[in-house]
Amino acid sequence: MLQHSSEAGLVTLPRTLAIWPPLDFALGAAACCGACVFTNPLEVVKTRLQLQGELRARGSYQRHYHGVLQALWAVARADGLRGLQKGLSVGLLYQGVMNGVRLGFYSYSEASGFTRAPGGSVLAGATAGALGAFVASPAYLVKTVLFLAPFGSVFSTVKEYPSPRPHLSPLF
């Protein structure tokens, strides 16, 4: 236990346990991947709502989606559960890499004592976020393309890819 003196007397503070940075990376990645499974249908619908009619002049296309709930219903009816979870594998890759790098780097910065310096916490957080986004951005691009490649519904002009491999191989 650590002791801290104050005007009211000695206060005993519990010692915080440091987590091994690779374990912190893995735990952060696993937690974010778990959340991704539940939020992926909303990401699919958000992307489709944002991009419907994107390549056409205003008013020259049919609006297939009129809101989040209606879009969830329409995608589920047209494409089933697989349509709502379209791009999940790349979404898990994206979330795992981005948040694993972000949380792991910040944990490493904390363990090395960098965050105790003035402004160190802000600098470590900004660097961790930028590094995570940089490393995971190719997966985000592939995820967006897969969201728009449904099983024969409204975005029929988007080429269907059975797996993310054709998109990821040129990037790495």
N, C-alpha and C. Protein backbone atom coordinates (compact mmCIF):
# COMPACT_ATOMS: atom_id res chain seq x y z
N MET A 1 0.83 -1.19 0.00
CA MET A 1 0.00 0.00 0.00
C MET A 1 0.87 1.25 0.00
N LEU A 2 0.44 2.24 -0.72
CA LEU A 2 1.11 3.52 -0.75
C LEU A 2 0.46 4.44 0.26
N GLN A 3 1.23 5.29 0.88
CA GLN A 3 0.67 6.23 1.83
C GLN A 3 0.87 7.64 1.31
N HIS A 4 -0.17 8.42 1.45
CA HIS A 4 -0.16 9.78 0.98
C HIS A 4 -0.54 10.68 2.16
N SER A 5 0.29 11.67 2.45
CA SER A 5 -0.03 12.54 3.58
C SER A 5 -0.87 13.71 3.10
N SER A 6 -1.81 14.08 3.88
CA SER A 6 -2.66 15.24 3.60
C SER A 6 -2.91 15.96 4.92
N GLU A 7 -3.66 17.03 4.87
CA GLU A 7 -3.93 17.79 6.09
C GLU A 7 -4.73 16.97 7.08
N ALA A 8 -5.57 16.07 6.61
CA ALA A 8 -6.41 15.27 7.49
C ALA A 8 -5.66 14.07 8.06
N GLY A 9 -4.46 13.81 7.62
CA GLY A 9 -3.69 12.68 8.11
C GLY A 9 -3.21 11.81 6.97
N LEU A 10 -2.82 10.60 7.29
CA LEU A 10 -2.33 9.69 6.28
C LEU A 10 -3.51 8.97 5.61
N VAL A 11 -3.47 8.91 4.30
CA VAL A 11 -4.47 8.20 3.54
C VAL A 11 -3.77 7.05 2.84
N THR A 12 -4.29 5.86 2.98
CA THR A 12 -3.68 4.70 2.35
C THR A 12 -4.35 4.47 0.99
N LEU A 13 -3.53 4.46 -0.04
CA LEU A 13 -4.03 4.23 -1.40
C LEU A 13 -3.63 2.84 -1.86
N PRO A 14 -4.55 2.13 -2.53
CA PRO A 14 -4.17 0.80 -3.04
C PRO A 14 -3.19 0.94 -4.19
N ARG A 15 -2.26 0.01 -4.28
CA ARG A 15 -1.28 0.00 -5.37
C ARG A 15 -1.97 -0.55 -6.61
N THR A 16 -1.80 0.12 -7.72
CA THR A 16 -2.40 -0.37 -8.96
C THR A 16 -1.47 -1.39 -9.60
N LEU A 17 -2.04 -2.44 -10.10
CA LEU A 17 -1.27 -3.48 -10.76
C LEU A 17 -1.08 -3.12 -12.22
N ALA A 18 0.13 -3.21 -12.68
CA ALA A 18 0.41 -2.95 -14.09
C ALA A 18 0.14 -4.22 -14.88
N ILE A 19 -0.54 -4.06 -16.01
CA ILE A 19 -0.83 -5.20 -16.88
C ILE A 19 0.27 -5.27 -17.93
N TRP A 20 0.74 -6.45 -18.20
CA TRP A 20 1.75 -6.69 -19.22
C TRP A 20 1.23 -6.14 -20.54
N PRO A 21 1.96 -5.23 -21.23
CA PRO A 21 1.44 -4.57 -22.44
C PRO A 21 0.90 -5.50 -23.53
N PRO A 22 1.52 -6.63 -23.85
CA PRO A 22 0.89 -7.51 -24.84
C PRO A 22 -0.47 -8.05 -24.39
N LEU A 23 -0.61 -8.32 -23.09
CA LEU A 23 -1.90 -8.77 -22.57
C LEU A 23 -2.91 -7.64 -22.65
N ASP A 24 -2.48 -6.42 -22.36
CA ASP A 24 -3.37 -5.26 -22.46
C ASP A 24 -3.84 -5.08 -23.91
N PHE A 25 -2.94 -5.27 -24.86
CA PHE A 25 -3.29 -5.22 -26.29
C PHE A 25 -4.37 -6.25 -26.59
N ALA A 26 -4.16 -7.48 -26.15
CA ALA A 26 -5.11 -8.56 -26.44
C ALA A 26 -6.46 -8.33 -25.77
N LEU A 27 -6.46 -7.88 -24.51
CA LEU A 27 -7.71 -7.63 -23.81
C LEU A 27 -8.49 -6.47 -24.43
N GLY A 28 -7.77 -5.41 -24.80
CA GLY A 28 -8.42 -4.27 -25.46
C GLY A 28 -9.01 -4.67 -26.79
N ALA A 29 -8.29 -5.47 -27.56
CA ALA A 29 -8.78 -5.93 -28.85
C ALA A 29 -10.00 -6.82 -28.68
N ALA A 30 -9.97 -7.73 -27.71
CA ALA A 30 -11.10 -8.64 -27.49
C ALA A 30 -12.35 -7.89 -27.05
N ALA A 31 -12.20 -6.91 -26.18
CA ALA A 31 -13.35 -6.13 -25.72
C ALA A 31 -13.99 -5.36 -26.87
N CYS A 32 -13.19 -4.76 -27.70
CA CYS A 32 -13.72 -3.98 -28.82
C CYS A 32 -14.34 -4.89 -29.87
N CYS A 33 -13.80 -6.06 -30.06
CA CYS A 33 -14.38 -7.01 -31.02
C CYS A 33 -15.73 -7.51 -30.52
N GLY A 34 -15.86 -7.71 -29.22
CA GLY A 34 -17.15 -8.10 -28.66
C GLY A 34 -18.21 -7.05 -28.92
N ALA A 35 -17.87 -5.80 -28.73
CA ALA A 35 -18.81 -4.72 -29.00
C ALA A 35 -19.14 -4.62 -30.49
N CYS A 36 -18.17 -4.92 -31.34
CA CYS A 36 -18.36 -4.83 -32.79
C CYS A 36 -19.44 -5.78 -33.28
N VAL A 37 -19.56 -6.95 -32.68
CA VAL A 37 -20.57 -7.92 -33.09
C VAL A 37 -21.97 -7.32 -32.94
N PHE A 38 -22.18 -6.54 -31.87
CA PHE A 38 -23.49 -5.97 -31.62
C PHE A 38 -23.75 -4.68 -32.40
N THR A 39 -22.71 -3.93 -32.70
CA THR A 39 -22.91 -2.66 -33.40
C THR A 39 -22.77 -2.77 -34.92
N ASN A 40 -22.30 -3.90 -35.42
CA ASN A 40 -22.09 -4.05 -36.86
C ASN A 40 -23.36 -3.84 -37.68
N PRO A 41 -24.54 -4.37 -37.28
CA PRO A 41 -25.75 -4.08 -38.07
C PRO A 41 -26.05 -2.58 -38.19
N LEU A 42 -25.79 -1.84 -37.13
CA LEU A 42 -26.00 -0.39 -37.19
C LEU A 42 -25.00 0.27 -38.13
N GLU A 43 -23.76 -0.22 -38.16
CA GLU A 43 -22.76 0.31 -39.09
C GLU A 43 -23.16 0.04 -40.53
N VAL A 44 -23.67 -1.17 -40.80
CA VAL A 44 -24.12 -1.52 -42.15
C VAL A 44 -25.21 -0.56 -42.59
N VAL A 45 -26.21 -0.37 -41.75
CA VAL A 45 -27.34 0.50 -42.08
C VAL A 45 -26.88 1.94 -42.22
N LYS A 46 -26.02 2.42 -41.33
CA LYS A 46 -25.52 3.80 -41.41
C LYS A 46 -24.82 4.04 -42.74
N THR A 47 -23.96 3.10 -43.12
CA THR A 47 -23.22 3.25 -44.37
C THR A 47 -24.16 3.25 -45.57
N ARG A 48 -25.13 2.36 -45.58
CA ARG A 48 -26.07 2.30 -46.70
C ARG A 48 -26.95 3.55 -46.76
N LEU A 49 -27.36 4.06 -45.61
CA LEU A 49 -28.14 5.30 -45.60
C LEU A 49 -27.32 6.47 -46.13
N GLN A 50 -26.06 6.54 -45.74
CA GLN A 50 -25.21 7.65 -46.18
C GLN A 50 -24.94 7.61 -47.67
N LEU A 51 -24.81 6.41 -48.23
CA LEU A 51 -24.36 6.31 -49.61
C LEU A 51 -25.44 5.99 -50.63
N GLN A 52 -26.70 5.86 -50.21
CA GLN A 52 -27.72 5.60 -51.21
C GLN A 52 -27.89 6.82 -52.12
N GLY A 53 -27.81 6.58 -53.40
CA GLY A 53 -27.93 7.65 -54.38
C GLY A 53 -26.72 8.55 -54.47
N GLU A 54 -25.61 8.18 -53.88
CA GLU A 54 -24.42 9.02 -53.84
C GLU A 54 -23.86 9.31 -55.23
N LEU A 55 -24.00 8.38 -56.14
CA LEU A 55 -23.43 8.55 -57.48
C LEU A 55 -24.44 9.08 -58.49
N ARG A 56 -25.58 9.53 -58.03
CA ARG A 56 -26.62 10.02 -58.93
C ARG A 56 -27.01 11.45 -58.55
N ALA A 57 -27.60 12.15 -59.51
CA ALA A 57 -28.06 13.52 -59.25
C ALA A 57 -29.23 13.50 -58.27
N ARG A 58 -29.35 14.56 -57.49
CA ARG A 58 -30.43 14.66 -56.51
C ARG A 58 -31.78 14.48 -57.19
N GLY A 59 -32.60 13.62 -56.62
CA GLY A 59 -33.94 13.39 -57.15
C GLY A 59 -34.01 12.38 -58.28
N SER A 60 -32.89 11.89 -58.77
CA SER A 60 -32.91 10.97 -59.91
C SER A 60 -32.77 9.51 -59.48
N TYR A 61 -32.89 9.23 -58.21
CA TYR A 61 -32.77 7.85 -57.72
C TYR A 61 -33.90 7.56 -56.75
N GLN A 62 -34.19 6.28 -56.61
CA GLN A 62 -35.22 5.86 -55.67
C GLN A 62 -34.61 5.69 -54.29
N ARG A 63 -35.23 6.27 -53.28
CA ARG A 63 -34.75 6.12 -51.90
C ARG A 63 -35.29 4.81 -51.35
N HIS A 64 -34.40 3.87 -51.09
CA HIS A 64 -34.82 2.58 -50.56
C HIS A 64 -34.92 2.60 -49.05
N TYR A 65 -34.16 3.48 -48.42
CA TYR A 65 -34.14 3.53 -46.96
C TYR A 65 -34.60 4.92 -46.51
N HIS A 66 -35.50 4.92 -45.51
CA HIS A 66 -36.08 6.19 -45.05
C HIS A 66 -35.81 6.46 -43.57
N GLY A 67 -34.98 5.70 -42.96
CA GLY A 67 -34.64 5.88 -41.56
C GLY A 67 -33.94 4.63 -41.05
N VAL A 68 -33.42 4.71 -39.83
CA VAL A 68 -32.62 3.61 -39.30
C VAL A 68 -33.46 2.35 -39.10
N LEU A 69 -34.61 2.48 -38.43
CA LEU A 69 -35.42 1.29 -38.16
C LEU A 69 -35.95 0.66 -39.44
N GLN A 70 -36.42 1.50 -40.37
CA GLN A 70 -36.91 0.98 -41.64
C GLN A 70 -35.78 0.33 -42.42
N ALA A 71 -34.58 0.90 -42.36
CA ALA A 71 -33.43 0.33 -43.07
C ALA A 71 -33.02 -1.01 -42.45
N LEU A 72 -33.03 -1.09 -41.11
CA LEU A 72 -32.73 -2.37 -40.46
C LEU A 72 -33.72 -3.44 -40.92
N TRP A 73 -34.99 -3.08 -40.95
CA TRP A 73 -36.03 -4.02 -41.38
C TRP A 73 -35.84 -4.41 -42.84
N ALA A 74 -35.56 -3.44 -43.71
CA ALA A 74 -35.40 -3.72 -45.14
C ALA A 74 -34.19 -4.60 -45.41
N VAL A 75 -33.08 -4.33 -44.76
CA VAL A 75 -31.88 -5.14 -44.97
C VAL A 75 -32.11 -6.55 -44.44
N ALA A 76 -32.75 -6.67 -43.28
CA ALA A 76 -33.03 -7.99 -42.71
C ALA A 76 -33.96 -8.79 -43.62
N ARG A 77 -34.98 -8.13 -44.17
CA ARG A 77 -35.91 -8.83 -45.07
C ARG A 77 -35.24 -9.24 -46.37
N ALA A 78 -34.44 -8.34 -46.94
CA ALA A 78 -33.83 -8.60 -48.25
C ALA A 78 -32.62 -9.54 -48.15
N ASP A 79 -31.80 -9.36 -47.15
CA ASP A 79 -30.52 -10.07 -47.09
C ASP A 79 -30.38 -11.01 -45.90
N GLY A 80 -31.31 -10.96 -44.95
CA GLY A 80 -31.25 -11.83 -43.79
C GLY A 80 -30.19 -11.39 -42.78
N LEU A 81 -29.92 -12.27 -41.84
CA LEU A 81 -28.94 -11.97 -40.80
C LEU A 81 -27.55 -11.78 -41.40
N ARG A 82 -27.24 -12.53 -42.44
CA ARG A 82 -25.93 -12.37 -43.10
C ARG A 82 -25.78 -10.96 -43.67
N GLY A 83 -26.86 -10.39 -44.17
CA GLY A 83 -26.80 -9.03 -44.69
C GLY A 83 -26.55 -8.00 -43.60
N LEU A 84 -27.15 -8.22 -42.42
CA LEU A 84 -26.95 -7.29 -41.31
C LEU A 84 -25.54 -7.40 -40.73
N GLN A 85 -24.92 -8.57 -40.88
CA GLN A 85 -23.57 -8.76 -40.37
C GLN A 85 -22.54 -8.73 -41.49
N LYS A 86 -22.90 -8.12 -42.61
CA LYS A 86 -21.99 -8.02 -43.75
C LYS A 86 -20.72 -7.28 -43.33
N GLY A 87 -19.58 -7.80 -43.69
CA GLY A 87 -18.31 -7.16 -43.37
C GLY A 87 -17.87 -7.35 -41.93
N LEU A 88 -18.49 -8.27 -41.21
CA LEU A 88 -18.15 -8.46 -39.80
C LEU A 88 -16.71 -8.90 -39.62
N SER A 89 -16.22 -9.79 -40.47
CA SER A 89 -14.85 -10.28 -40.31
C SER A 89 -13.83 -9.14 -40.41
N VAL A 90 -14.03 -8.24 -41.37
CA VAL A 90 -13.11 -7.11 -41.51
C VAL A 90 -13.37 -6.08 -40.42
N GLY A 91 -14.62 -5.96 -39.99
CA GLY A 91 -14.93 -5.07 -38.87
C GLY A 91 -14.22 -5.51 -37.60
N LEU A 92 -14.19 -6.83 -37.37
CA LEU A 92 -13.47 -7.36 -36.21
C LEU A 92 -11.97 -7.12 -36.34
N LEU A 93 -11.45 -7.30 -37.54
CA LEU A 93 -10.04 -7.02 -37.79
C LEU A 93 -9.73 -5.54 -37.52
N TYR A 94 -10.58 -4.67 -38.05
CA TYR A 94 -10.39 -3.22 -37.88
C TYR A 94 -10.43 -2.83 -36.39
N GLN A 95 -11.49 -3.26 -35.69
CA GLN A 95 -11.62 -2.90 -34.28
C GLN A 95 -10.51 -3.49 -33.43
N GLY A 96 -10.17 -4.76 -33.70
CA GLY A 96 -9.12 -5.41 -32.93
C GLY A 96 -7.78 -4.74 -33.10
N VAL A 97 -7.42 -4.43 -34.34
CA VAL A 97 -6.13 -3.79 -34.59
C VAL A 97 -6.12 -2.36 -34.07
N MET A 98 -7.15 -1.58 -34.43
CA MET A 98 -7.14 -0.17 -34.04
C MET A 98 -7.14 0.00 -32.52
N ASN A 99 -8.06 -0.66 -31.85
CA ASN A 99 -8.16 -0.46 -30.40
C ASN A 99 -7.10 -1.23 -29.64
N GLY A 100 -6.65 -2.35 -30.18
CA GLY A 100 -5.55 -3.05 -29.55
C GLY A 100 -4.28 -2.21 -29.56
N VAL A 101 -3.97 -1.62 -30.71
CA VAL A 101 -2.79 -0.75 -30.82
C VAL A 101 -2.96 0.47 -29.93
N ARG A 102 -4.13 1.07 -29.97
CA ARG A 102 -4.38 2.29 -29.20
C ARG A 102 -4.25 2.03 -27.70
N LEU A 103 -4.95 1.02 -27.21
CA LEU A 103 -4.91 0.74 -25.76
C LEU A 103 -3.56 0.16 -25.35
N GLY A 104 -2.98 -0.68 -26.20
CA GLY A 104 -1.67 -1.25 -25.88
C GLY A 104 -0.58 -0.21 -25.84
N PHE A 105 -0.58 0.73 -26.79
CA PHE A 105 0.44 1.78 -26.81
C PHE A 105 0.29 2.70 -25.60
N TYR A 106 -0.95 3.03 -25.25
CA TYR A 106 -1.15 3.90 -24.10
C TYR A 106 -0.71 3.19 -22.81
N SER A 107 -1.01 1.90 -22.72
CA SER A 107 -0.59 1.13 -21.55
C SER A 107 0.94 1.09 -21.45
N TYR A 108 1.59 0.91 -22.58
CA TYR A 108 3.06 0.91 -22.61
C TYR A 108 3.59 2.29 -22.18
N SER A 109 2.94 3.35 -22.64
CA SER A 109 3.36 4.71 -22.25
C SER A 109 3.20 4.92 -20.75
N GLU A 110 2.12 4.38 -20.19
CA GLU A 110 1.91 4.48 -18.75
C GLU A 110 2.96 3.70 -17.99
N ALA A 111 3.24 2.47 -18.44
CA ALA A 111 4.21 1.61 -17.76
C ALA A 111 5.62 2.20 -17.80
N SER A 112 5.93 2.92 -18.88
CA SER A 112 7.26 3.51 -19.00
C SER A 112 7.39 4.82 -18.23
N GLY A 113 6.29 5.32 -17.69
CA GLY A 113 6.32 6.56 -16.92
C GLY A 113 6.16 7.82 -17.75
N PHE A 114 5.94 7.66 -19.05
CA PHE A 114 5.81 8.82 -19.94
C PHE A 114 4.60 9.68 -19.60
N THR A 115 3.51 9.06 -19.13
CA THR A 115 2.29 9.82 -18.87
C THR A 115 2.37 10.67 -17.60
N ARG A 116 3.37 10.43 -16.77
CA ARG A 116 3.51 11.24 -15.54
C ARG A 116 4.15 12.59 -15.81
N ALA A 117 4.78 12.77 -16.94
CA ALA A 117 5.39 14.05 -17.29
C ALA A 117 4.29 15.06 -17.63
N PRO A 118 4.54 16.35 -17.47
CA PRO A 118 3.53 17.35 -17.83
C PRO A 118 3.16 17.23 -19.33
N GLY A 119 1.90 17.05 -19.58
CA GLY A 119 1.41 16.90 -20.95
C GLY A 119 1.65 15.52 -21.53
N GLY A 120 2.26 14.64 -20.78
CA GLY A 120 2.57 13.30 -21.27
C GLY A 120 1.34 12.46 -21.55
N SER A 121 0.33 12.61 -20.71
CA SER A 121 -0.90 11.84 -20.89
C SER A 121 -1.62 12.24 -22.18
N VAL A 122 -1.66 13.53 -22.44
CA VAL A 122 -2.31 14.03 -23.66
C VAL A 122 -1.52 13.59 -24.89
N LEU A 123 -0.21 13.73 -24.83
CA LEU A 123 0.63 13.34 -25.96
C LEU A 123 0.56 11.83 -26.21
N ALA A 124 0.57 11.04 -25.14
CA ALA A 124 0.48 9.58 -25.29
C ALA A 124 -0.87 9.18 -25.87
N GLY A 125 -1.95 9.82 -25.41
CA GLY A 125 -3.28 9.51 -25.93
C GLY A 125 -3.42 9.88 -27.39
N ALA A 126 -2.93 11.05 -27.76
CA ALA A 126 -3.01 11.48 -29.16
C ALA A 126 -2.17 10.59 -30.07
N THR A 127 -0.99 10.23 -29.62
CA THR A 127 -0.12 9.36 -30.42
C THR A 127 -0.72 7.98 -30.55
N ALA A 128 -1.26 7.45 -29.46
CA ALA A 128 -1.89 6.13 -29.49
C ALA A 128 -3.07 6.11 -30.45
N GLY A 129 -3.91 7.14 -30.41
CA GLY A 129 -5.07 7.20 -31.30
C GLY A 129 -4.66 7.32 -32.76
N ALA A 130 -3.67 8.17 -33.03
CA ALA A 130 -3.22 8.34 -34.41
C ALA A 130 -2.56 7.07 -34.94
N LEU A 131 -1.77 6.42 -34.12
CA LEU A 131 -1.11 5.19 -34.54
C LEU A 131 -2.13 4.08 -34.81
N GLY A 132 -3.11 3.95 -33.94
CA GLY A 132 -4.17 2.95 -34.14
C GLY A 132 -4.96 3.19 -35.41
N ALA A 133 -5.32 4.44 -35.65
CA ALA A 133 -6.08 4.77 -36.86
C ALA A 133 -5.25 4.54 -38.12
N PHE A 134 -3.98 4.89 -38.08
CA PHE A 134 -3.10 4.71 -39.24
C PHE A 134 -2.95 3.23 -39.59
N VAL A 135 -2.72 2.42 -38.58
CA VAL A 135 -2.49 1.00 -38.81
C VAL A 135 -3.76 0.30 -39.31
N ALA A 136 -4.92 0.71 -38.81
CA ALA A 136 -6.17 0.01 -39.12
C ALA A 136 -6.95 0.61 -40.29
N SER A 137 -6.52 1.73 -40.86
CA SER A 137 -7.32 2.38 -41.90
C SER A 137 -7.54 1.53 -43.15
N PRO A 138 -6.60 0.70 -43.59
CA PRO A 138 -6.91 -0.15 -44.75
C PRO A 138 -8.08 -1.10 -44.50
N ALA A 139 -8.18 -1.63 -43.29
CA ALA A 139 -9.30 -2.51 -42.96
C ALA A 139 -10.62 -1.75 -42.96
N TYR A 140 -10.61 -0.48 -42.56
CA TYR A 140 -11.83 0.32 -42.56
C TYR A 140 -12.35 0.53 -43.99
N LEU A 141 -11.45 0.77 -44.91
CA LEU A 141 -11.83 0.93 -46.31
C LEU A 141 -12.47 -0.34 -46.85
N VAL A 142 -11.87 -1.48 -46.57
CA VAL A 142 -12.42 -2.76 -47.03
C VAL A 142 -13.77 -3.02 -46.38
N LYS A 143 -13.91 -2.69 -45.11
CA LYS A 143 -15.18 -2.88 -44.40
C LYS A 143 -16.29 -2.08 -45.07
N THR A 144 -16.01 -0.86 -45.47
CA THR A 144 -17.02 -0.03 -46.12
C THR A 144 -17.43 -0.61 -47.46
N VAL A 145 -16.49 -1.12 -48.23
CA VAL A 145 -16.81 -1.74 -49.52
C VAL A 145 -17.69 -2.97 -49.30
N LEU A 146 -17.38 -3.77 -48.30
CA LEU A 146 -18.17 -4.97 -48.04
C LEU A 146 -19.57 -4.63 -47.55
N PHE A 147 -19.74 -3.53 -46.83
CA PHE A 147 -21.07 -3.13 -46.39
C PHE A 147 -21.98 -2.85 -47.57
N LEU A 148 -21.41 -2.37 -48.66
CA LEU A 148 -22.21 -1.99 -49.82
C LEU A 148 -22.37 -3.11 -50.83
N ALA A 149 -21.88 -4.29 -50.53
CA ALA A 149 -22.00 -5.42 -51.44
C ALA A 149 -22.99 -6.42 -50.86
N PRO A 150 -24.29 -6.10 -50.90
CA PRO A 150 -25.28 -6.98 -50.30
C PRO A 150 -25.57 -8.19 -51.19
N PHE A 151 -26.38 -9.05 -50.67
CA PHE A 151 -26.75 -10.26 -51.38
C PHE A 151 -27.90 -9.96 -52.34
N GLY A 152 -27.63 -9.19 -53.38
CA GLY A 152 -28.63 -8.95 -54.43
C GLY A 152 -29.73 -7.97 -54.07
N SER A 153 -29.52 -7.04 -53.18
CA SER A 153 -30.59 -6.07 -52.89
C SER A 153 -30.29 -4.75 -53.59
N VAL A 154 -30.52 -3.62 -52.96
CA VAL A 154 -30.54 -2.34 -53.65
C VAL A 154 -29.22 -1.88 -54.23
N PHE A 155 -28.09 -2.30 -53.69
CA PHE A 155 -26.80 -1.88 -54.23
C PHE A 155 -26.28 -2.93 -55.20
N SER A 156 -27.07 -3.27 -56.20
CA SER A 156 -26.72 -4.36 -57.11
C SER A 156 -25.57 -4.00 -58.04
N THR A 157 -25.20 -2.72 -58.14
CA THR A 157 -24.10 -2.34 -59.02
C THR A 157 -22.74 -2.55 -58.38
N VAL A 158 -22.70 -2.81 -57.06
CA VAL A 158 -21.45 -3.05 -56.37
C VAL A 158 -21.06 -4.50 -56.57
N LYS A 159 -19.82 -4.74 -56.95
CA LYS A 159 -19.35 -6.09 -57.21
C LYS A 159 -19.35 -6.91 -55.92
N GLU A 160 -19.83 -8.13 -56.00
CA GLU A 160 -19.90 -9.03 -54.84
C GLU A 160 -18.57 -9.74 -54.64
N TYR A 161 -18.04 -9.66 -53.44
CA TYR A 161 -16.82 -10.38 -53.08
C TYR A 161 -17.16 -11.32 -51.94
N PRO A 162 -16.89 -12.61 -52.08
CA PRO A 162 -17.22 -13.55 -51.02
C PRO A 162 -16.35 -13.40 -49.78
N SER A 163 -15.18 -12.81 -49.91
CA SER A 163 -14.31 -12.63 -48.75
C SER A 163 -13.55 -11.31 -48.89
N PRO A 164 -12.97 -10.83 -47.80
CA PRO A 164 -12.21 -9.58 -47.86
C PRO A 164 -10.83 -9.73 -48.49
N ARG A 165 -10.39 -10.95 -48.79
CA ARG A 165 -9.04 -11.19 -49.30
C ARG A 165 -8.70 -10.38 -50.56
N PRO A 166 -9.60 -10.27 -51.57
CA PRO A 166 -9.21 -9.49 -52.76
C PRO A 166 -8.93 -8.03 -52.45
N HIS A 167 -9.55 -7.50 -51.40
CA HIS A 167 -9.34 -6.10 -51.04
C HIS A 167 -8.07 -5.91 -50.19
N LEU A 168 -7.82 -6.85 -49.30
CA LEU A 168 -6.71 -6.69 -48.37
C LEU A 168 -5.35 -7.02 -48.98
N SER A 169 -5.30 -7.96 -49.93
CA SER A 169 -4.00 -8.41 -50.45
C SER A 169 -3.19 -7.29 -51.12
N PRO A 170 -3.79 -6.36 -51.88
CA PRO A 170 -2.94 -5.28 -52.44
C PRO A 170 -2.46 -4.28 -51.40
N LEU A 171 -3.13 -4.23 -50.24
CA LEU A 171 -2.78 -3.24 -49.23
C LEU A 171 -1.58 -3.66 -48.40
N PHE A 172 -1.33 -4.96 -48.32
CA PHE A 172 -0.24 -5.43 -47.46
C PHE A 172 0.80 -6.07 -48.28
